[in-house]
Amino acid sequence: MKLTKVRIKNYKCIHDSTEFDIDDITCLVGKNESGKTAVLEALHKFNSFDHSRNFDYQQDYPFVDLEKNEDGVIEATFSLEQEDIEEIERFLTCKCVNTSAPTITLLGGYSNTRSVSKYGFEVDIDGIIKHISTTTGIKINPSMKDSTKIAKD
């Protein structure tokens, strides 16, 4: 996965960075004390292997009167590479990712957990159901048209 977009909110001096693109080379430009280092620190804490560098509400939350949001500090969008797609399809046991440029967006914050905010790819549900039906021998009622209902059943 490759980081492609970031948005940082309610971290140190950053109220809302708005979403910005990350490329192979990304340059942060701004006056002193404008938040350049805070952006880098937020990215580091979001993906840190050193748990002493986690988000700390008491130390990192801005002093302005804002509503506390445990997981709203950083929203990071990653583009999926071919090996990521292959891993998803290996897990689902069939070729089923239909999007040409798939992405996944993760959310992290003061709870120091990561969660999926949104998936930027589509999965061929009908193909998955057909594959499962074929490989397991489970008969699918042909009168059922809603693939989501079939998947739940």
N, C-alpha and C. Protein backbone atom coordinates (compact mmCIF):
# COMPACT_ATOMS: atom_id res chain seq x y z
N MET A 1 0.85 -1.18 0.00
CA MET A 1 0.00 0.00 0.00
C MET A 1 0.89 1.24 0.00
N LYS A 2 0.39 2.24 -0.66
CA LYS A 2 1.13 3.50 -0.76
C LYS A 2 0.24 4.64 -0.28
N LEU A 3 0.75 5.44 0.64
CA LEU A 3 0.01 6.59 1.16
C LEU A 3 -0.18 7.61 0.04
N THR A 4 -1.44 8.04 -0.19
CA THR A 4 -1.71 8.97 -1.28
C THR A 4 -2.40 10.26 -0.84
N LYS A 5 -3.16 10.21 0.27
CA LYS A 5 -3.88 11.41 0.75
C LYS A 5 -3.91 11.38 2.27
N VAL A 6 -3.90 12.57 2.87
CA VAL A 6 -3.94 12.69 4.32
C VAL A 6 -4.81 13.88 4.71
N ARG A 7 -5.49 13.74 5.84
CA ARG A 7 -6.20 14.86 6.46
C ARG A 7 -5.97 14.74 7.96
N ILE A 8 -5.58 15.84 8.59
CA ILE A 8 -5.30 15.86 10.02
C ILE A 8 -6.21 16.88 10.69
N LYS A 9 -6.83 16.47 11.80
CA LYS A 9 -7.74 17.35 12.52
C LYS A 9 -7.46 17.28 14.02
N ASN A 10 -7.58 18.41 14.68
CA ASN A 10 -7.50 18.49 16.15
C ASN A 10 -6.24 17.85 16.71
N TYR A 11 -5.12 18.24 16.14
CA TYR A 11 -3.82 17.76 16.62
C TYR A 11 -2.88 18.95 16.77
N LYS A 12 -2.44 19.19 17.99
CA LYS A 12 -1.56 20.31 18.32
C LYS A 12 -2.12 21.60 17.73
N CYS A 13 -1.40 22.27 16.83
CA CYS A 13 -1.88 23.55 16.29
C CYS A 13 -2.78 23.37 15.06
N ILE A 14 -3.03 22.14 14.66
CA ILE A 14 -3.83 21.88 13.45
C ILE A 14 -5.29 21.66 13.83
N HIS A 15 -6.14 22.60 13.43
CA HIS A 15 -7.58 22.42 13.63
C HIS A 15 -8.11 21.49 12.54
N ASP A 16 -7.81 21.79 11.27
CA ASP A 16 -8.20 20.94 10.15
C ASP A 16 -7.29 21.27 8.97
N SER A 17 -6.46 20.32 8.58
CA SER A 17 -5.53 20.56 7.49
C SER A 17 -6.21 20.53 6.13
N THR A 18 -7.43 20.06 6.07
CA THR A 18 -8.11 19.65 4.84
C THR A 18 -7.29 18.53 4.20
N GLU A 19 -7.89 17.84 3.29
CA GLU A 19 -7.20 16.71 2.65
C GLU A 19 -6.14 17.23 1.69
N PHE A 20 -4.96 16.61 1.73
CA PHE A 20 -3.91 16.97 0.79
C PHE A 20 -3.25 15.70 0.26
N ASP A 21 -2.72 15.81 -0.95
CA ASP A 21 -2.11 14.67 -1.63
C ASP A 21 -0.69 14.43 -1.15
N ILE A 22 -0.30 13.18 -1.14
CA ILE A 22 1.06 12.76 -0.86
C ILE A 22 1.58 12.08 -2.12
N ASP A 23 2.73 12.49 -2.58
CA ASP A 23 3.31 11.89 -3.78
C ASP A 23 4.68 11.33 -3.41
N ASP A 24 5.44 10.89 -4.41
CA ASP A 24 6.78 10.37 -4.13
C ASP A 24 7.62 11.42 -3.42
N ILE A 25 7.45 12.67 -3.79
CA ILE A 25 8.09 13.78 -3.09
C ILE A 25 6.99 14.76 -2.73
N THR A 26 6.88 15.06 -1.44
CA THR A 26 5.88 16.02 -0.96
C THR A 26 6.61 17.06 -0.12
N CYS A 27 6.35 18.32 -0.40
CA CYS A 27 7.04 19.41 0.28
C CYS A 27 6.03 20.16 1.16
N LEU A 28 6.36 20.27 2.44
CA LEU A 28 5.55 21.06 3.36
C LEU A 28 6.18 22.44 3.49
N VAL A 29 5.42 23.48 3.17
CA VAL A 29 5.94 24.85 3.20
C VAL A 29 5.05 25.67 4.10
N GLY A 30 5.67 26.48 4.95
CA GLY A 30 4.89 27.36 5.81
C GLY A 30 5.79 28.14 6.74
N LYS A 31 5.22 29.16 7.37
CA LYS A 31 5.96 29.98 8.32
C LYS A 31 6.32 29.15 9.56
N ASN A 32 7.21 29.69 10.37
CA ASN A 32 7.54 29.05 11.64
C ASN A 32 6.27 28.91 12.48
N GLU A 33 6.18 27.78 13.20
CA GLU A 33 5.05 27.51 14.09
C GLU A 33 3.71 27.40 13.34
N SER A 34 3.76 27.01 12.06
CA SER A 34 2.52 26.90 11.30
C SER A 34 1.98 25.47 11.24
N GLY A 35 2.75 24.49 11.74
CA GLY A 35 2.24 23.13 11.81
C GLY A 35 2.95 22.11 10.94
N LYS A 36 4.04 22.47 10.29
CA LYS A 36 4.75 21.52 9.42
C LYS A 36 5.23 20.30 10.21
N THR A 37 5.85 20.53 11.35
CA THR A 37 6.33 19.43 12.18
C THR A 37 5.17 18.65 12.76
N ALA A 38 4.08 19.31 13.10
CA ALA A 38 2.90 18.63 13.64
C ALA A 38 2.35 17.63 12.62
N VAL A 39 2.36 18.00 11.34
CA VAL A 39 1.92 17.08 10.28
C VAL A 39 2.79 15.83 10.29
N LEU A 40 4.10 16.01 10.33
CA LEU A 40 5.03 14.88 10.33
C LEU A 40 4.86 14.02 11.59
N GLU A 41 4.69 14.67 12.74
CA GLU A 41 4.49 13.92 13.98
C GLU A 41 3.20 13.11 13.95
N ALA A 42 2.12 13.70 13.44
CA ALA A 42 0.84 12.98 13.34
C ALA A 42 0.98 11.76 12.45
N LEU A 43 1.67 11.91 11.33
CA LEU A 43 1.90 10.77 10.44
C LEU A 43 2.73 9.69 11.14
N HIS A 44 3.74 10.12 11.87
CA HIS A 44 4.59 9.16 12.57
C HIS A 44 3.79 8.41 13.65
N LYS A 45 2.99 9.13 14.41
CA LYS A 45 2.20 8.50 15.47
C LYS A 45 1.13 7.57 14.90
N PHE A 46 0.63 7.91 13.73
CA PHE A 46 -0.38 7.07 13.09
C PHE A 46 0.19 5.72 12.70
N ASN A 47 1.44 5.69 12.30
CA ASN A 47 2.05 4.45 11.79
C ASN A 47 3.32 4.10 12.57
N SER A 48 3.31 4.33 13.86
CA SER A 48 4.51 4.12 14.66
C SER A 48 4.58 2.71 15.22
N PHE A 49 5.76 2.12 15.14
CA PHE A 49 5.99 0.84 15.79
C PHE A 49 6.41 1.06 17.24
N ASP A 50 6.76 2.28 17.58
CA ASP A 50 7.19 2.65 18.93
C ASP A 50 5.95 3.15 19.67
N HIS A 51 5.38 2.33 20.55
CA HIS A 51 4.13 2.69 21.22
C HIS A 51 4.27 3.81 22.24
N SER A 52 5.50 4.21 22.53
CA SER A 52 5.67 5.38 23.38
C SER A 52 5.38 6.65 22.59
N ARG A 53 5.22 6.53 21.26
CA ARG A 53 4.93 7.67 20.39
C ARG A 53 3.46 7.70 19.99
N ASN A 54 2.57 7.13 20.78
CA ASN A 54 1.14 7.14 20.49
C ASN A 54 0.55 8.54 20.67
N PHE A 55 -0.65 8.74 20.12
CA PHE A 55 -1.38 9.99 20.34
C PHE A 55 -1.72 10.09 21.82
N ASP A 56 -1.56 11.26 22.39
CA ASP A 56 -1.84 11.50 23.80
C ASP A 56 -2.76 12.71 23.88
N TYR A 57 -4.01 12.48 24.28
CA TYR A 57 -5.01 13.54 24.31
C TYR A 57 -4.54 14.73 25.15
N GLN A 58 -3.97 14.46 26.31
CA GLN A 58 -3.56 15.55 27.21
C GLN A 58 -2.42 16.37 26.63
N GLN A 59 -1.55 15.74 25.87
CA GLN A 59 -0.38 16.43 25.34
C GLN A 59 -0.61 17.00 23.94
N ASP A 60 -1.40 16.32 23.13
CA ASP A 60 -1.49 16.66 21.71
C ASP A 60 -2.75 17.40 21.29
N TYR A 61 -3.81 17.34 22.10
CA TYR A 61 -5.07 17.95 21.69
C TYR A 61 -4.96 19.47 21.77
N PRO A 62 -5.48 20.19 20.77
CA PRO A 62 -5.39 21.66 20.81
C PRO A 62 -6.14 22.23 22.00
N PHE A 63 -5.71 23.38 22.46
CA PHE A 63 -6.30 24.00 23.64
C PHE A 63 -7.59 24.75 23.35
N VAL A 64 -7.98 24.85 22.10
CA VAL A 64 -9.24 25.53 21.79
C VAL A 64 -10.40 24.64 22.21
N ASP A 65 -11.55 25.24 22.40
CA ASP A 65 -12.72 24.51 22.88
C ASP A 65 -13.36 23.74 21.73
N LEU A 66 -12.89 22.51 21.53
CA LEU A 66 -13.40 21.66 20.46
C LEU A 66 -14.04 20.42 21.05
N GLU A 67 -15.00 19.84 20.32
CA GLU A 67 -15.59 18.59 20.77
C GLU A 67 -14.56 17.47 20.60
N LYS A 68 -14.37 16.71 21.66
CA LYS A 68 -13.37 15.63 21.65
C LYS A 68 -13.81 14.53 20.69
N ASN A 69 -12.90 14.12 19.80
CA ASN A 69 -13.16 13.03 18.87
C ASN A 69 -11.99 12.06 18.99
N GLU A 70 -12.24 10.91 19.60
CA GLU A 70 -11.18 9.94 19.88
C GLU A 70 -10.44 9.48 18.63
N ASP A 71 -11.15 9.26 17.53
CA ASP A 71 -10.51 8.67 16.35
C ASP A 71 -10.47 9.61 15.16
N GLY A 72 -10.59 10.89 15.39
CA GLY A 72 -10.66 11.81 14.29
C GLY A 72 -9.40 12.57 13.99
N VAL A 73 -8.24 12.14 14.47
CA VAL A 73 -7.03 12.92 14.26
C VAL A 73 -6.53 12.83 12.83
N ILE A 74 -6.38 11.63 12.32
CA ILE A 74 -5.78 11.48 11.00
C ILE A 74 -6.59 10.51 10.15
N GLU A 75 -6.84 10.93 8.93
CA GLU A 75 -7.50 10.10 7.95
C GLU A 75 -6.50 9.93 6.82
N ALA A 76 -6.07 8.70 6.59
CA ALA A 76 -5.02 8.42 5.61
C ALA A 76 -5.56 7.48 4.54
N THR A 77 -5.42 7.90 3.29
CA THR A 77 -5.87 7.08 2.17
C THR A 77 -4.67 6.43 1.50
N PHE A 78 -4.77 5.14 1.29
CA PHE A 78 -3.71 4.37 0.67
C PHE A 78 -4.21 3.78 -0.64
N SER A 79 -3.36 3.80 -1.66
CA SER A 79 -3.70 3.08 -2.89
C SER A 79 -3.20 1.66 -2.73
N LEU A 80 -4.02 0.72 -3.18
CA LEU A 80 -3.65 -0.68 -3.08
C LEU A 80 -2.81 -1.07 -4.29
N GLU A 81 -1.74 -1.77 -4.04
CA GLU A 81 -0.88 -2.25 -5.12
C GLU A 81 -1.33 -3.66 -5.49
N GLN A 82 -0.79 -4.18 -6.57
CA GLN A 82 -1.21 -5.48 -7.07
C GLN A 82 -1.10 -6.58 -6.01
N GLU A 83 -0.04 -6.57 -5.22
CA GLU A 83 0.11 -7.62 -4.20
C GLU A 83 -0.97 -7.50 -3.10
N ASP A 84 -1.44 -6.28 -2.83
CA ASP A 84 -2.53 -6.09 -1.87
C ASP A 84 -3.83 -6.66 -2.42
N ILE A 85 -4.08 -6.40 -3.69
CA ILE A 85 -5.28 -6.92 -4.35
C ILE A 85 -5.25 -8.43 -4.37
N GLU A 86 -4.09 -8.99 -4.68
CA GLU A 86 -3.94 -10.46 -4.70
C GLU A 86 -4.21 -11.05 -3.32
N GLU A 87 -3.78 -10.36 -2.26
CA GLU A 87 -4.02 -10.84 -0.89
C GLU A 87 -5.52 -10.82 -0.57
N ILE A 88 -6.21 -9.76 -0.97
CA ILE A 88 -7.66 -9.68 -0.76
C ILE A 88 -8.34 -10.82 -1.51
N GLU A 89 -7.95 -11.02 -2.75
CA GLU A 89 -8.58 -12.07 -3.56
C GLU A 89 -8.20 -13.46 -3.06
N ARG A 90 -7.02 -13.61 -2.51
CA ARG A 90 -6.63 -14.90 -1.91
C ARG A 90 -7.51 -15.17 -0.69
N PHE A 91 -7.77 -14.12 0.11
CA PHE A 91 -8.63 -14.26 1.28
C PHE A 91 -10.05 -14.63 0.87
N LEU A 92 -10.56 -13.98 -0.18
CA LEU A 92 -11.92 -14.25 -0.65
C LEU A 92 -11.99 -15.47 -1.56
N THR A 93 -10.85 -16.01 -1.91
CA THR A 93 -10.69 -17.22 -2.75
C THR A 93 -11.21 -17.08 -4.17
N CYS A 94 -11.23 -15.86 -4.70
CA CYS A 94 -11.59 -15.69 -6.11
C CYS A 94 -11.15 -14.31 -6.59
N LYS A 95 -11.04 -14.16 -7.90
CA LYS A 95 -10.74 -12.86 -8.51
C LYS A 95 -12.01 -12.03 -8.47
N CYS A 96 -12.00 -10.96 -7.67
CA CYS A 96 -13.27 -10.27 -7.46
C CYS A 96 -13.15 -8.76 -7.26
N VAL A 97 -11.94 -8.18 -7.22
CA VAL A 97 -11.81 -6.73 -7.06
C VAL A 97 -12.00 -6.09 -8.43
N ASN A 98 -13.04 -5.25 -8.56
CA ASN A 98 -13.44 -4.70 -9.86
C ASN A 98 -12.92 -3.31 -10.16
N THR A 99 -12.24 -2.67 -9.26
CA THR A 99 -11.85 -1.28 -9.42
C THR A 99 -10.45 -1.18 -10.00
N SER A 100 -10.25 -0.26 -10.94
CA SER A 100 -8.93 -0.13 -11.58
C SER A 100 -7.90 0.54 -10.67
N ALA A 101 -8.33 1.43 -9.78
CA ALA A 101 -7.40 2.11 -8.87
C ALA A 101 -7.95 2.02 -7.44
N PRO A 102 -7.89 0.82 -6.84
CA PRO A 102 -8.49 0.64 -5.52
C PRO A 102 -7.73 1.37 -4.41
N THR A 103 -8.51 1.87 -3.43
CA THR A 103 -7.93 2.56 -2.27
C THR A 103 -8.62 2.06 -1.01
N ILE A 104 -8.00 2.36 0.12
CA ILE A 104 -8.60 2.12 1.42
C ILE A 104 -8.23 3.30 2.31
N THR A 105 -9.19 3.78 3.08
CA THR A 105 -8.94 4.93 3.95
C THR A 105 -9.05 4.48 5.40
N LEU A 106 -8.00 4.78 6.16
CA LEU A 106 -7.94 4.41 7.57
C LEU A 106 -8.05 5.65 8.44
N LEU A 107 -8.65 5.48 9.59
CA LEU A 107 -8.85 6.56 10.54
C LEU A 107 -8.14 6.20 11.84
N GLY A 108 -7.44 7.15 12.41
CA GLY A 108 -6.75 6.92 13.68
C GLY A 108 -6.77 8.16 14.53
N GLY A 109 -6.57 7.96 15.84
CA GLY A 109 -6.59 9.11 16.71
C GLY A 109 -6.21 8.80 18.13
N TYR A 110 -6.79 9.52 19.07
CA TYR A 110 -6.38 9.47 20.46
C TYR A 110 -6.65 8.13 21.13
N SER A 111 -7.51 7.30 20.58
CA SER A 111 -7.71 5.97 21.14
C SER A 111 -6.57 5.04 20.72
N ASN A 112 -5.73 5.52 19.79
CA ASN A 112 -4.57 4.77 19.28
C ASN A 112 -4.97 3.43 18.69
N THR A 113 -6.10 3.44 18.01
CA THR A 113 -6.52 2.28 17.22
C THR A 113 -6.70 2.75 15.79
N ARG A 114 -6.69 1.84 14.87
CA ARG A 114 -6.92 2.16 13.47
C ARG A 114 -8.20 1.47 13.03
N SER A 115 -8.99 2.16 12.23
CA SER A 115 -10.21 1.55 11.70
C SER A 115 -10.35 1.96 10.24
N VAL A 116 -11.07 1.14 9.51
CA VAL A 116 -11.32 1.45 8.10
C VAL A 116 -12.45 2.46 8.04
N SER A 117 -12.16 3.59 7.40
CA SER A 117 -13.15 4.65 7.24
C SER A 117 -13.98 4.41 5.97
N LYS A 118 -13.30 4.01 4.89
CA LYS A 118 -14.02 3.68 3.66
C LYS A 118 -13.15 2.84 2.74
N TYR A 119 -13.83 2.05 1.95
CA TYR A 119 -13.17 1.24 0.93
C TYR A 119 -13.35 1.94 -0.41
N GLY A 120 -12.29 2.09 -1.16
CA GLY A 120 -12.36 2.72 -2.47
C GLY A 120 -12.23 1.69 -3.58
N PHE A 121 -12.92 0.58 -3.39
CA PHE A 121 -12.95 -0.44 -4.44
C PHE A 121 -14.24 -1.22 -4.34
N GLU A 122 -14.59 -1.81 -5.43
CA GLU A 122 -15.80 -2.62 -5.46
C GLU A 122 -15.41 -4.08 -5.58
N VAL A 123 -16.23 -4.91 -4.97
CA VAL A 123 -16.01 -6.34 -5.01
C VAL A 123 -17.18 -6.95 -5.77
N ASP A 124 -16.89 -7.89 -6.64
CA ASP A 124 -17.91 -8.58 -7.41
C ASP A 124 -18.62 -9.60 -6.52
N ILE A 125 -19.69 -9.15 -5.86
CA ILE A 125 -20.43 -10.00 -4.92
C ILE A 125 -21.00 -11.23 -5.65
N ASP A 126 -21.56 -11.01 -6.85
CA ASP A 126 -22.13 -12.14 -7.59
C ASP A 126 -21.05 -13.18 -7.90
N GLY A 127 -19.85 -12.71 -8.26
CA GLY A 127 -18.74 -13.63 -8.53
C GLY A 127 -18.32 -14.40 -7.30
N ILE A 128 -18.30 -13.74 -6.15
CA ILE A 128 -17.96 -14.42 -4.89
C ILE A 128 -19.00 -15.48 -4.56
N ILE A 129 -20.28 -15.12 -4.68
CA ILE A 129 -21.35 -16.06 -4.36
C ILE A 129 -21.29 -17.26 -5.29
N LYS A 130 -21.08 -17.01 -6.58
CA LYS A 130 -20.98 -18.10 -7.54
C LYS A 130 -19.79 -19.01 -7.20
N HIS A 131 -18.66 -18.39 -6.85
CA HIS A 131 -17.47 -19.16 -6.50
C HIS A 131 -17.71 -20.02 -5.25
N ILE A 132 -18.31 -19.42 -4.23
CA ILE A 132 -18.59 -20.17 -2.99
C ILE A 132 -19.57 -21.30 -3.27
N SER A 133 -20.59 -21.01 -4.07
CA SER A 133 -21.58 -22.02 -4.41
C SER A 133 -20.92 -23.19 -5.15
N THR A 134 -20.04 -22.87 -6.09
CA THR A 134 -19.37 -23.91 -6.88
C THR A 134 -18.41 -24.73 -6.03
N THR A 135 -17.61 -24.06 -5.21
CA THR A 135 -16.58 -24.78 -4.45
C THR A 135 -17.13 -25.53 -3.25
N THR A 136 -18.26 -25.07 -2.70
CA THR A 136 -18.81 -25.74 -1.51
C THR A 136 -19.97 -26.66 -1.83
N GLY A 137 -20.54 -26.52 -3.02
CA GLY A 137 -21.69 -27.34 -3.37
C GLY A 137 -23.00 -26.82 -2.79
N ILE A 138 -22.96 -25.64 -2.18
CA ILE A 138 -24.18 -25.05 -1.62
C ILE A 138 -25.04 -24.54 -2.78
N LYS A 139 -26.31 -24.94 -2.78
CA LYS A 139 -27.23 -24.52 -3.83
C LYS A 139 -27.82 -23.15 -3.47
N ILE A 140 -27.76 -22.24 -4.43
CA ILE A 140 -28.35 -20.91 -4.25
C ILE A 140 -29.69 -20.91 -4.98
N ASN A 141 -30.73 -20.45 -4.29
CA ASN A 141 -32.05 -20.37 -4.86
C ASN A 141 -32.04 -19.35 -6.01
N PRO A 142 -32.27 -19.77 -7.26
CA PRO A 142 -32.20 -18.85 -8.39
C PRO A 142 -33.22 -17.72 -8.34
N SER A 143 -34.28 -17.87 -7.53
CA SER A 143 -35.28 -16.79 -7.45
C SER A 143 -34.77 -15.63 -6.60
N MET A 144 -33.68 -15.85 -5.88
CA MET A 144 -33.12 -14.76 -5.05
C MET A 144 -32.26 -13.88 -5.94
N LYS A 145 -32.67 -12.64 -6.12
CA LYS A 145 -31.97 -11.72 -7.01
C LYS A 145 -30.98 -10.82 -6.26
N ASP A 146 -31.20 -10.61 -4.98
CA ASP A 146 -30.38 -9.67 -4.20
C ASP A 146 -29.13 -10.39 -3.68
N SER A 147 -27.97 -10.07 -4.28
CA SER A 147 -26.74 -10.76 -3.90
C SER A 147 -26.33 -10.45 -2.46
N THR A 148 -26.68 -9.27 -1.97
CA THR A 148 -26.35 -8.93 -0.58
C THR A 148 -27.14 -9.83 0.37
N LYS A 149 -28.42 -10.06 0.07
CA LYS A 149 -29.24 -10.95 0.89
C LYS A 149 -28.70 -12.38 0.81
N ILE A 150 -28.29 -12.81 -0.37
CA ILE A 150 -27.72 -14.16 -0.52
C ILE A 150 -26.47 -14.27 0.33
N ALA A 151 -25.61 -13.28 0.28
CA ALA A 151 -24.37 -13.31 1.06
C ALA A 151 -24.65 -13.39 2.55
N LYS A 152 -25.64 -12.62 3.01
CA LYS A 152 -26.01 -12.65 4.43
C LYS A 152 -26.57 -14.01 4.81
N ASP A 153 -27.41 -14.56 3.93
CA ASP A 153 -28.00 -15.89 4.20
C ASP A 153 -26.92 -16.95 4.22
